[in-house]
Amino acid sequence: MNQTKIRVSAVSYLNTIPFIHGIENSPALLEQIELSRDIPSECARKLMSGEVDLGLVPVAILPQMDESFIVTDFCIGAVGEVSSVLLFSDVPLEEIEEVYLDYQSRTSVQLCHILCREYWKITPKFIKAEPGFESKIKDKTAGLVIGDRCFGMKGKHKYQYDLSKEWYDWKKLPFVFAVWLSRSELSKSFEQEFNTALQNGLGDLIGAIKKYPYEGLSHDELLAYLEKSIDYHLDDDKVKGLNEFLAALESRV
């Protein structure tokens, strides 16, 4: 591995394809980085362990970082429904006894804990899930599922709760799931180049979809997901939402 290059880990879900599209269409940037695509929990592990220098990581790890820097004007966020962070259940919230927590997640797992305790006022048993846990969602056992797998599960259970919508209904604030975070300060020129690449990718959603089609969604469905469900701009309201979540996270400790 060439240690002179900046090692970057990006989430391997559909909601990141505009970012990947922008990066891969920036030849000068590609010469400066080594890019890997991972599930969110692995992005977090790699950044925390020092295996990568920059990552699109779950915001739940922010309090665990000795030193870190938010890079770029972009994030994975939502204002209301996000459509890909869902609690599936065969019974209403107040009847849930157990919840499987997606092994691919960190932020959504913490959000589920917070919503259960502070908003829904329920106290289920939480179970750390393993691959294949989706088949165990039945009766009074619910499951938190994140990412692209949500699309294939819609309609399979009587109840599904969108955690981003529940957060918005409660706090009246957007939710930020992931930010671009570095372990140390990067050069301003690199940050600007990286930011521009992401912006260019977001400006060409049609091109991103053509390059990274998804078998489970039509072109129009995928475009609607990227345009309406995901909000990529780390604006002031999202920073407020992020700070509110981090405060709630701190109160759990």
Protein backbone atom coordinates (compact mmCIF):
# COMPACT_ATOMS: atom_id res chain seq x y z
CA MET A 1 0.00 0.00 0.00
CA ASN A 2 1.28 3.43 -0.91
CA GLN A 3 1.31 5.31 2.38
CA THR A 4 1.69 8.66 0.63
CA LYS A 5 -1.89 8.40 -0.58
CA ILE A 6 -4.83 9.43 1.58
CA ARG A 7 -6.75 6.30 2.52
CA VAL A 8 -10.51 6.81 2.22
CA SER A 9 -13.40 4.57 3.30
CA ALA A 10 -16.89 5.25 1.94
CA VAL A 11 -20.15 3.52 2.79
CA SER A 12 -21.17 0.89 0.25
CA TYR A 13 -24.90 1.72 0.22
CA LEU A 14 -27.02 3.22 -2.56
CA ASN A 15 -27.17 6.57 -0.80
CA THR A 16 -23.45 7.12 -1.41
CA ILE A 17 -23.41 6.51 -5.16
CA PRO A 18 -23.49 10.25 -5.96
CA PHE A 19 -20.35 10.67 -3.84
CA ILE A 20 -18.62 7.69 -5.46
CA HIS A 21 -19.63 8.90 -8.91
CA GLY A 22 -18.11 12.31 -8.23
CA ILE A 23 -14.89 10.87 -6.83
CA GLU A 24 -14.43 8.40 -9.68
CA ASN A 25 -14.90 11.20 -12.22
CA SER A 26 -12.11 13.26 -10.66
CA PRO A 27 -8.86 11.85 -12.11
CA ALA A 28 -6.59 14.24 -10.21
CA LEU A 29 -8.28 13.33 -6.92
CA LEU A 30 -8.07 9.60 -7.64
CA GLU A 31 -4.31 9.91 -7.94
CA GLN A 32 -4.19 11.16 -4.34
CA ILE A 33 -6.39 8.57 -2.62
CA GLU A 34 -6.94 4.87 -2.06
CA LEU A 35 -10.69 4.28 -1.90
CA SER A 36 -12.48 1.37 -0.24
CA ARG A 37 -16.22 0.81 0.16
CA ASP A 38 -17.49 -0.73 3.38
CA ILE A 39 -20.59 -1.14 5.54
CA PRO A 40 -20.97 1.76 8.02
CA SER A 41 -19.71 -0.12 11.08
CA GLU A 42 -16.58 -1.13 9.13
CA CYS A 43 -16.00 2.46 7.96
CA ALA A 44 -16.09 3.44 11.62
CA ARG A 45 -13.72 0.67 12.69
CA LYS A 46 -11.21 1.52 9.98
CA LEU A 47 -11.11 5.21 10.87
CA MET A 48 -10.90 4.59 14.61
CA SER A 49 -8.09 2.05 14.19
CA GLY A 50 -6.12 4.28 11.82
CA GLU A 51 -6.49 1.96 8.83
CA VAL A 52 -7.87 4.92 6.87
CA ASP A 53 -7.30 8.65 7.10
CA LEU A 54 -10.73 9.84 5.97
CA GLY A 55 -14.08 8.13 6.12
CA LEU A 56 -17.79 8.59 5.64
CA VAL A 57 -18.51 7.39 9.15
CA PRO A 58 -21.47 7.02 11.52
CA VAL A 59 -21.77 10.14 13.67
CA ALA A 60 -22.12 7.97 16.78
CA ILE A 61 -18.33 7.53 16.82
CA LEU A 62 -17.64 11.27 17.18
CA PRO A 63 -17.49 11.15 21.01
CA GLN A 64 -15.07 8.20 20.81
CA MET A 65 -12.49 10.00 18.67
CA ASP A 66 -9.60 11.65 20.53
CA GLU A 67 -9.20 14.07 17.65
CA SER A 68 -11.20 14.38 14.46
CA PHE A 69 -12.18 16.90 11.82
CA ILE A 70 -15.41 17.09 9.84
CA VAL A 71 -14.46 17.47 6.18
CA THR A 72 -16.66 18.79 3.31
CA ASP A 73 -20.07 20.45 3.22
CA PHE A 74 -21.84 17.12 2.79
CA CYS A 75 -23.24 14.27 4.84
CA ILE A 76 -25.79 11.45 4.77
CA GLY A 77 -28.83 13.06 6.33
CA ALA A 78 -32.59 13.29 6.12
CA VAL A 79 -35.40 15.69 6.92
CA GLY A 80 -38.21 13.38 7.95
CA GLU A 81 -38.45 9.98 6.27
CA VAL A 82 -35.16 8.44 5.14
CA SER A 83 -36.70 5.14 3.89
CA SER A 84 -33.61 3.05 4.67
CA VAL A 85 -33.41 3.01 8.49
CA LEU A 86 -36.47 1.07 9.57
CA LEU A 87 -37.74 -0.82 12.59
CA PHE A 88 -39.82 -3.74 11.31
CA SER A 89 -42.37 -5.40 13.57
CA ASP A 90 -45.48 -7.57 13.49
CA VAL A 91 -46.91 -5.78 16.54
CA PRO A 92 -47.23 -2.09 17.53
CA LEU A 93 -44.41 -0.44 19.47
CA GLU A 94 -45.93 -0.93 22.91
CA GLU A 95 -46.13 -4.70 22.40
CA ILE A 96 -42.53 -5.22 21.23
CA GLU A 97 -40.53 -7.37 23.65
CA GLU A 98 -37.23 -7.80 21.78
CA VAL A 99 -35.36 -5.82 19.12
CA TYR A 100 -32.58 -7.16 16.92
CA LEU A 101 -30.08 -4.36 16.24
CA ASP A 102 -28.47 -4.36 12.81
CA TYR A 103 -24.80 -5.41 12.93
CA GLN A 104 -24.02 -3.03 10.04
CA SER A 105 -25.00 0.02 12.07
CA ARG A 106 -23.67 2.21 14.85
CA THR A 107 -25.58 5.49 14.66
CA SER A 108 -28.98 3.93 13.94
CA VAL A 109 -28.52 1.47 16.80
CA GLN A 110 -27.93 4.35 19.20
CA LEU A 111 -30.86 6.28 17.73
CA CYS A 112 -33.10 3.24 18.28
CA HIS A 113 -32.02 3.05 21.94
CA ILE A 114 -32.74 6.77 22.42
CA LEU A 115 -36.15 6.64 20.72
CA CYS A 116 -37.19 3.60 22.73
CA ARG A 117 -36.24 5.13 26.05
CA GLU A 118 -37.06 8.80 25.61
CA TYR A 119 -39.74 9.06 22.91
CA TRP A 120 -41.60 5.77 22.57
CA LYS A 121 -41.22 4.99 26.30
CA ILE A 122 -40.71 1.26 25.78
CA THR A 123 -38.10 -1.07 27.29
CA PRO A 124 -37.55 -4.04 24.98
CA LYS A 125 -34.63 -6.42 25.25
CA PHE A 126 -31.96 -5.45 22.71
CA ILE A 127 -30.14 -8.18 20.82
CA LYS A 128 -26.95 -7.65 18.83
CA ALA A 129 -27.84 -9.09 15.46
CA GLU A 130 -25.79 -11.28 13.15
CA PRO A 131 -26.14 -11.81 9.38
CA GLY A 132 -29.51 -13.37 8.56
CA PHE A 133 -31.30 -11.88 11.57
CA GLU A 134 -34.07 -10.54 9.34
CA SER A 135 -35.75 -13.97 9.37
CA LYS A 136 -36.09 -13.75 13.16
CA ILE A 137 -38.40 -10.73 13.00
CA LYS A 138 -41.76 -12.21 14.00
CA ASP A 139 -44.39 -12.14 16.73
CA LYS A 140 -43.18 -9.70 19.41
CA THR A 141 -39.59 -9.65 18.15
CA ALA A 142 -38.79 -6.61 16.01
CA GLY A 143 -35.69 -5.77 14.02
CA LEU A 144 -33.79 -2.62 13.11
CA VAL A 145 -32.63 -2.85 9.50
CA ILE A 146 -30.51 -0.24 7.72
CA GLY A 147 -29.39 0.34 4.17
CA ASP A 148 -30.41 -1.21 0.88
CA ARG A 149 -31.91 -4.33 2.48
CA CYS A 150 -34.84 -2.18 3.64
CA PHE A 151 -36.18 -1.92 0.10
CA GLY A 152 -36.69 -5.67 -0.20
CA MET A 153 -38.38 -5.91 3.20
CA LYS A 154 -41.08 -3.29 2.82
CA GLY A 155 -44.53 -4.81 3.14
CA LYS A 156 -43.29 -8.02 4.79
CA HIS A 157 -44.30 -6.90 8.28
CA LYS A 158 -47.43 -5.16 9.53
CA TYR A 159 -45.53 -2.26 11.09
CA GLN A 160 -42.46 -0.34 9.99
CA TYR A 161 -41.15 2.70 11.78
CA ASP A 162 -38.82 5.10 9.97
CA LEU A 163 -36.33 6.22 12.63
CA SER A 164 -35.50 9.49 10.89
CA LYS A 165 -39.19 10.41 10.70
CA GLU A 166 -39.68 9.48 14.35
CA TRP A 167 -36.73 11.71 15.27
CA TYR A 168 -38.16 14.58 13.22
CA ASP A 169 -41.62 14.18 14.75
CA TRP A 170 -40.00 14.32 18.20
CA LYS A 171 -37.31 16.99 17.79
CA LYS A 172 -38.49 18.88 14.70
CA LEU A 173 -34.91 18.64 13.42
CA PRO A 174 -33.19 16.77 10.58
CA PHE A 175 -31.07 13.74 11.39
CA VAL A 176 -27.47 13.22 10.32
CA PHE A 177 -26.40 9.59 9.98
CA ALA A 178 -22.86 9.99 8.65
CA VAL A 179 -20.26 12.68 8.01
CA TRP A 180 -16.91 12.78 6.25
CA LEU A 181 -14.41 12.66 9.11
CA SER A 182 -10.61 12.72 9.13
CA ARG A 183 -8.23 11.71 11.91
CA SER A 184 -5.98 14.72 11.35
CA GLU A 185 -6.15 17.99 9.48
CA LEU A 186 -5.94 17.60 5.73
CA SER A 187 -4.57 20.22 3.37
CA LYS A 188 -7.03 22.91 2.36
CA SER A 189 -6.34 22.19 -1.30
CA PHE A 190 -7.23 18.51 -0.87
CA GLU A 191 -10.36 19.34 1.12
CA GLN A 192 -11.52 21.71 -1.61
CA GLU A 193 -10.82 19.18 -4.35
CA PHE A 194 -12.63 16.45 -2.42
CA ASN A 195 -15.58 18.75 -1.69
CA THR A 196 -15.84 19.71 -5.36
CA ALA A 197 -15.84 16.05 -6.41
CA LEU A 198 -18.73 15.29 -4.06
CA GLN A 199 -20.63 18.33 -5.27
CA ASN A 200 -20.14 17.30 -8.89
CA GLY A 201 -21.44 13.82 -8.14
CA LEU A 202 -24.55 15.24 -6.48
CA GLY A 203 -25.06 17.41 -9.53
CA ASP A 204 -25.25 14.35 -11.79
CA LEU A 205 -27.64 11.93 -10.09
CA ILE A 206 -28.80 10.54 -13.45
CA GLY A 207 -25.22 9.66 -14.34
CA ALA A 208 -24.68 8.07 -10.92
CA ILE A 209 -27.78 5.91 -11.30
CA LYS A 210 -26.76 4.78 -14.78
CA LYS A 211 -23.34 3.80 -13.49
CA TYR A 212 -24.63 2.08 -10.34
CA PRO A 213 -28.10 0.64 -11.07
CA TYR A 214 -29.88 -1.31 -8.35
CA GLU A 215 -31.87 -4.41 -9.20
CA GLY A 216 -34.44 -3.86 -6.46
CA LEU A 217 -35.53 -0.37 -7.54
CA SER A 218 -36.56 1.19 -10.83
CA HIS A 219 -34.68 4.20 -12.18
CA ASP A 220 -37.44 6.54 -10.99
CA GLU A 221 -37.63 4.94 -7.54
CA LEU A 222 -33.89 5.21 -7.05
CA LEU A 223 -33.88 8.82 -8.25
CA ALA A 224 -36.70 9.67 -5.84
CA TYR A 225 -34.77 8.03 -2.99
CA LEU A 226 -31.62 10.03 -3.71
CA GLU A 227 -33.46 13.30 -4.37
CA LYS A 228 -36.15 13.22 -1.69
CA SER A 229 -35.25 10.75 1.06
CA ILE A 230 -31.57 11.62 1.42
CA ASP A 231 -30.50 15.18 2.13
CA TYR A 232 -26.78 15.55 1.53
CA HIS A 233 -26.08 19.12 2.61
CA LEU A 234 -24.60 19.63 6.06
CA ASP A 235 -26.44 22.88 6.70
CA ASP A 236 -27.14 24.72 9.96
CA ASP A 237 -30.30 22.75 10.77
CA LYS A 238 -28.47 19.46 10.33
CA VAL A 239 -25.68 20.65 12.60
CA LYS A 240 -28.36 21.46 15.20
CA GLY A 241 -29.85 18.00 14.74
CA LEU A 242 -26.41 16.42 15.02
CA ASN A 243 -25.63 18.29 18.23
CA GLU A 244 -29.01 17.31 19.67
CA PHE A 245 -28.30 13.65 18.91
CA LEU A 246 -24.80 13.83 20.41
CA ALA A 247 -26.27 15.38 23.57
CA ALA A 248 -28.83 12.57 23.80
CA LEU A 249 -26.04 10.07 23.20
CA GLU A 250 -23.99 11.56 26.03
CA SER A 251 -26.95 11.25 28.40
CA ARG A 252 -27.05 7.49 27.68
CA VAL A 253 -23.52 6.99 29.03
